[in-house]
Amino acid sequence: MMDIAAASMSLASLKLGMEASTSITKKAMETAETNAAALVEMLEAVDQMTVPSDNLIDVRA
C-alpha cells in the first residue's frame, strides 16, 4: 500500500498536469479567437473593396 508521502506526490503531480493542460487549452482558444477576428476583419475589408455590379452572383443568399 502507498504511504502518505507517495500519495501526496502523486496527487501533486496529477494536479500540475491538469493545470498545464488547462493553461495550454486556454492559450489555444485565445489564439483561435484572435485568428478568427483577423479573418472576419479581412473578409469585411474585401467586401468593402468590391465594386457593386449587375454581373455578380450573390453566393451568401
Protein backbone atom coordinates (compact mmCIF):
# COMPACT_ATOMS: atom_id res chain seq x y z
CA MET A 1 0.00 0.00 0.00
CA MET A 2 1.23 3.51 -0.81
CA ASP A 3 2.45 5.60 2.02
CA ILE A 4 1.12 9.12 2.59
CA ALA A 5 4.15 10.88 1.09
CA ALA A 6 3.93 8.91 -2.16
CA ALA A 7 0.19 9.52 -2.42
CA SER A 8 0.73 13.24 -1.82
CA MET A 9 3.41 13.43 -4.52
CA SER A 10 1.21 11.53 -6.95
CA LEU A 11 -1.71 13.90 -6.38
CA ALA A 12 0.55 16.95 -6.71
CA SER A 13 1.88 15.63 -10.00
CA LEU A 14 -1.64 14.99 -11.27
CA LYS A 15 -2.72 18.50 -10.25
CA LEU A 16 0.27 20.03 -12.05
CA GLY A 17 -0.51 18.07 -15.20
CA MET A 18 -4.14 19.21 -15.15
CA GLU A 19 -3.14 22.85 -14.63
CA ALA A 20 -0.68 22.67 -17.53
CA SER A 21 -3.31 21.09 -19.77
CA THR A 22 -5.85 23.76 -18.86
CA SER A 23 -3.33 26.53 -19.50
CA ILE A 24 -2.39 25.14 -22.92
CA THR A 25 -6.05 24.74 -23.91
CA LYS A 26 -6.81 28.30 -22.82
CA LYS A 27 -3.90 29.65 -24.88
CA ALA A 28 -5.03 27.65 -27.93
CA MET A 29 -8.57 29.05 -27.58
CA GLU A 30 -7.25 32.62 -27.30
CA THR A 31 -5.13 32.11 -30.42
CA ALA A 32 -8.10 30.68 -32.34
CA GLU A 33 -10.25 33.63 -31.27
CA THR A 34 -7.58 36.12 -32.41
CA ASN A 35 -7.22 34.34 -35.76
CA ALA A 36 -10.99 34.29 -36.29
CA ALA A 37 -11.25 38.02 -35.54
CA ALA A 38 -8.47 38.75 -38.03
CA LEU A 39 -10.19 36.63 -40.68
CA VAL A 40 -13.50 38.44 -40.18
CA GLU A 41 -11.70 41.77 -40.43
CA MET A 42 -10.03 40.73 -43.69
CA LEU A 43 -13.32 39.50 -45.16
CA GLU A 44 -15.03 42.76 -44.26
CA ALA A 45 -12.20 44.72 -45.91
CA VAL A 46 -12.51 42.66 -49.10
CA ASP A 47 -16.29 43.09 -49.06
CA GLN A 48 -15.88 46.88 -48.86
CA MET A 49 -13.40 46.87 -51.77
CA THR A 50 -15.78 45.00 -54.08
CA VAL A 51 -17.49 47.23 -56.59
CA PRO A 52 -21.22 46.51 -56.91
CA SER A 53 -22.07 45.10 -60.31
CA ASP A 54 -25.10 43.60 -62.01
CA ASN A 55 -22.88 40.75 -63.19
CA LEU A 56 -22.14 39.34 -59.72
CA ILE A 57 -23.87 36.34 -58.18
CA ASP A 58 -24.85 36.64 -54.53
CA VAL A 59 -23.46 33.44 -53.03
CA ARG A 60 -24.41 34.45 -49.48
CA ALA A 61 -28.15 34.43 -50.10
